[in-house]
Amino acid sequence: MQNSEELAREAIKFLELAQKFEEEKNAE
C-alpha cells in the first residue's frame, strides 16, 4: 500500500502531464 505522500506526487505528476497535453492541443 502506497502512502498518501507518494499518491499525491503521482497525482500531481499526472495532472501536470494532462495540463501540458491540453495546452499543446489548444495551441494548434
Protein backbone atom coordinates (compact mmCIF):
# COMPACT_ATOMS: atom_id res chain seq x y z
CA MET A 1 0.00 0.00 0.00
CA GLN A 2 1.40 3.36 -1.02
CA ASN A 3 1.43 6.16 1.49
CA SER A 4 -0.57 9.31 0.79
CA GLU A 5 2.54 11.38 0.04
CA GLU A 6 3.51 9.05 -2.81
CA LEU A 7 -0.05 9.03 -4.14
CA ALA A 8 -0.14 12.83 -4.03
CA ARG A 9 3.09 13.04 -6.01
CA GLU A 10 1.74 10.63 -8.62
CA ALA A 11 -1.49 12.62 -8.89
CA ILE A 12 0.38 15.90 -9.32
CA LYS A 13 2.61 14.37 -12.00
CA PHE A 14 -0.46 13.09 -13.84
CA LEU A 15 -2.27 16.44 -13.60
CA GLU A 16 0.77 18.32 -14.90
CA LEU A 17 1.01 15.96 -17.88
CA ALA A 18 -2.69 16.37 -18.60
CA GLN A 19 -2.39 20.15 -18.42
CA LYS A 20 0.59 20.14 -20.79
CA PHE A 21 -1.35 17.95 -23.20
CA GLU A 22 -4.35 20.31 -23.13
CA GLU A 23 -2.14 23.34 -23.78
CA GLU A 24 -0.49 21.67 -26.76
CA LYS A 25 -3.88 20.63 -28.13
CA ASN A 26 -5.19 24.19 -27.82
CA ALA A 27 -2.07 25.67 -29.43
CA GLU A 28 -2.79 24.01 -32.77
